[in-house]
Each structure stands twice: as structure tokens, then as C-alpha cells.
Amino acid sequence: MGQGHEHRPGDVAPGMVVLCATRELPGGLQWAHLPVDRRLWSEEDLREGFRVRVRRTVGDAAAPIEVVGGS
């Protein structure tokens, strides 16, 4: 993550992952976070819905997403 927006796995609550979608704007980086229960994230058929939701929040349907705490 650029421009001072960093993630550390220790920042994520136990049993959760956090999706972070980012968008470059003229004034800097905009981001949106979506906490997701790790059990729900493990369901492949649910993942795209979570991705759509966090991208919608950041305002870019093609925004890159980082999964924090997903390992």
C-alpha cells in the first residue's frame, strides 16, 4: 500500500480478514475497509460479493483489493 496506508496482520481481529480496496485520486489515495468473518471468506462462492461490496464503497468497480490477515 502506498502513501502511508499500511496494514499489519496483527491489526485484524481474531477470526477475521479485512478487505482493503484502494483508488488513486489527484489528492492522494482513497481506501475502504470491509471486515469479513474468516469462515465466510473461506467460501469461494461468497468472495466475489465481498469484493463487489468493498469496491462499491471506495467508488471504483475495478479497484485493487488487499486481503489483510488472510494467510
Protein backbone atom coordinates (compact mmCIF):
# COMPACT_ATOMS: atom_id res chain seq x y z
CA MET A 1 0.00 0.00 0.00
CA GLY A 2 1.35 3.39 -0.85
CA GLN A 3 1.06 6.89 0.56
CA GLY A 4 1.19 5.93 4.24
CA HIS A 5 -1.67 3.44 4.23
CA GLU A 6 -0.26 0.25 5.69
CA HIS A 7 -1.73 -2.94 7.09
CA ARG A 8 -0.38 -5.45 9.55
CA PRO A 9 -1.97 -8.85 10.21
CA GLY A 10 -1.93 -8.02 13.95
CA ASP A 11 -4.37 -5.15 13.26
CA VAL A 12 -7.09 -7.63 12.29
CA ALA A 13 -9.40 -9.12 14.92
CA PRO A 14 -9.08 -12.86 15.57
CA GLY A 15 -11.22 -14.92 13.22
CA MET A 16 -11.49 -12.08 10.70
CA VAL A 17 -9.91 -10.82 7.50
CA VAL A 18 -10.13 -7.24 6.26
CA LEU A 19 -10.54 -6.37 2.60
CA CYS A 20 -8.99 -3.05 1.63
CA ALA A 21 -9.90 -1.53 -1.74
CA THR A 22 -7.89 1.44 -2.93
CA ARG A 23 -8.35 4.14 -5.53
CA GLU A 24 -5.84 6.72 -6.72
CA LEU A 25 -7.19 10.27 -6.71
CA PRO A 26 -5.45 13.52 -7.66
CA GLY A 27 -5.11 14.44 -3.99
CA GLY A 28 -3.90 11.02 -2.83
CA LEU A 29 -5.10 7.53 -2.08
CA GLN A 30 -8.67 6.74 -1.08
CA TRP A 31 -9.42 3.43 0.63
CA ALA A 32 -12.31 1.46 2.07
CA HIS A 33 -12.18 -1.44 4.51
CA LEU A 34 -14.57 -4.34 4.89
CA PRO A 35 -14.10 -6.74 7.82
CA VAL A 36 -15.23 -10.28 6.96
CA ASP A 37 -15.50 -13.36 9.15
CA ARG A 38 -12.72 -15.76 8.11
CA ARG A 39 -15.23 -18.65 7.79
CA LEU A 40 -17.30 -16.67 5.30
CA TRP A 41 -14.19 -15.57 3.38
CA SER A 42 -13.18 -19.24 3.05
CA GLU A 43 -16.34 -19.85 0.98
CA GLU A 44 -15.26 -19.28 -2.63
CA ASP A 45 -18.82 -18.60 -3.79
CA LEU A 46 -19.15 -15.67 -1.34
CA ARG A 47 -15.85 -13.93 -2.08
CA GLU A 48 -16.92 -12.04 -5.19
CA GLY A 49 -19.85 -10.48 -3.31
CA PHE A 50 -17.47 -9.16 -0.64
CA ARG A 51 -15.14 -7.79 -3.33
CA VAL A 52 -18.02 -6.01 -5.07
CA ARG A 53 -19.17 -4.51 -1.78
CA VAL A 54 -15.78 -3.03 -0.79
CA ARG A 55 -15.15 -1.76 -4.33
CA ARG A 56 -18.55 -0.06 -4.33
CA THR A 57 -17.66 1.63 -1.04
CA VAL A 58 -14.43 3.03 -2.49
CA GLY A 59 -16.25 4.06 -5.68
CA ASP A 60 -14.29 2.02 -8.24
CA ALA A 61 -15.61 -1.27 -9.64
CA ALA A 62 -12.09 -2.29 -10.67
CA ALA A 63 -10.20 -1.18 -7.54
CA PRO A 64 -7.37 -3.42 -6.38
CA ILE A 65 -8.05 -5.25 -3.13
CA GLU A 66 -5.65 -6.35 -0.43
CA VAL A 67 -6.73 -9.12 1.93
CA VAL A 68 -5.24 -8.44 5.36
CA GLY A 69 -4.92 -11.33 7.78
CA GLY A 70 -5.83 -13.83 5.10
CA SER A 71 -2.82 -16.10 5.43
